[in-house]
Amino acid sequence: KVASFYMTYTGSSEWKDRIFTGVVEQAARDHFVVSDPKNGKWYLLPSIYLDFIVFDEEINYKVI
């Protein structure tokens, strides 16, 4: 699923607020792996900097 990850990196003037858009490849408790099909890059995004996620389509989400 394509999603936009809104991240805030406190203490960094260069990376203060960033938005990463791409396909969720894997997710764990402390990070997400996202691939961007537009530029071919892959990102490992630590959950500690995550503010929220916006999906472009309906998701199938189950609370465990």
Protein backbone atom coordinates (compact mmCIF):
# COMPACT_ATOMS: atom_id res chain seq x y z
CA LYS A 1 0.00 0.00 0.00
CA VAL A 2 1.21 3.49 -0.82
CA ALA A 3 1.46 5.78 2.20
CA SER A 4 2.94 9.10 3.27
CA PHE A 5 5.03 9.02 6.46
CA TYR A 6 5.19 12.32 8.33
CA MET A 7 8.37 12.41 10.40
CA THR A 8 9.84 14.99 12.81
CA TYR A 9 13.54 14.87 13.63
CA THR A 10 13.93 17.06 16.71
CA GLY A 11 17.30 18.66 17.16
CA SER A 12 18.14 18.64 13.44
CA SER A 13 17.99 21.85 11.42
CA GLU A 14 18.41 20.02 8.09
CA TRP A 15 15.88 17.21 8.72
CA LYS A 16 13.38 18.98 11.00
CA ASP A 17 10.16 17.83 9.27
CA ARG A 18 10.14 15.35 6.38
CA ILE A 19 7.50 13.44 4.43
CA PHE A 20 8.42 10.11 2.86
CA THR A 21 5.99 8.59 0.36
CA GLY A 22 6.17 5.02 -0.81
CA VAL A 23 5.09 1.41 -0.42
CA VAL A 24 5.26 -0.22 2.99
CA GLU A 25 7.54 -3.21 2.45
CA GLN A 26 7.97 -4.28 6.08
CA ALA A 27 7.03 -2.96 9.49
CA ALA A 28 8.21 -3.84 12.98
CA ARG A 29 7.66 -2.41 16.41
CA ASP A 30 10.44 0.16 16.08
CA HIS A 31 10.79 0.87 12.34
CA PHE A 32 9.26 0.79 8.84
CA VAL A 33 10.86 -0.14 5.53
CA VAL A 34 9.46 1.94 2.68
CA SER A 35 10.29 1.81 -1.04
CA ASP A 36 9.63 4.77 -3.31
CA PRO A 37 8.68 3.48 -6.79
CA LYS A 38 9.18 6.96 -8.30
CA ASN A 39 12.89 7.19 -7.52
CA GLY A 40 13.81 3.58 -6.69
CA LYS A 41 15.06 4.46 -3.19
CA TRP A 42 14.40 2.45 -0.05
CA TYR A 43 14.06 4.01 3.40
CA LEU A 44 14.40 2.58 6.90
CA LEU A 45 12.32 4.90 9.07
CA PRO A 46 12.62 4.66 12.88
CA SER A 47 9.20 4.77 14.57
CA ILE A 48 10.48 7.13 17.27
CA TYR A 49 10.37 10.01 14.71
CA LEU A 50 6.99 9.08 13.24
CA ASP A 51 4.14 11.58 13.72
CA PHE A 52 1.46 9.92 11.58
CA ILE A 53 0.83 7.97 8.37
CA VAL A 54 -1.64 8.77 5.58
CA PHE A 55 -2.67 5.94 3.24
CA ASP A 56 -3.90 6.60 -0.30
CA GLU A 57 -6.34 3.69 -0.15
CA GLU A 58 -8.25 1.61 2.37
CA ILE A 59 -6.10 -0.56 4.61
CA ASN A 60 -6.81 -3.88 6.29
CA TYR A 61 -5.79 -3.25 9.89
CA LYS A 62 -6.25 -5.69 12.76
CA VAL A 63 -5.47 -4.86 16.37
CA ILE A 64 -3.74 -7.75 18.09
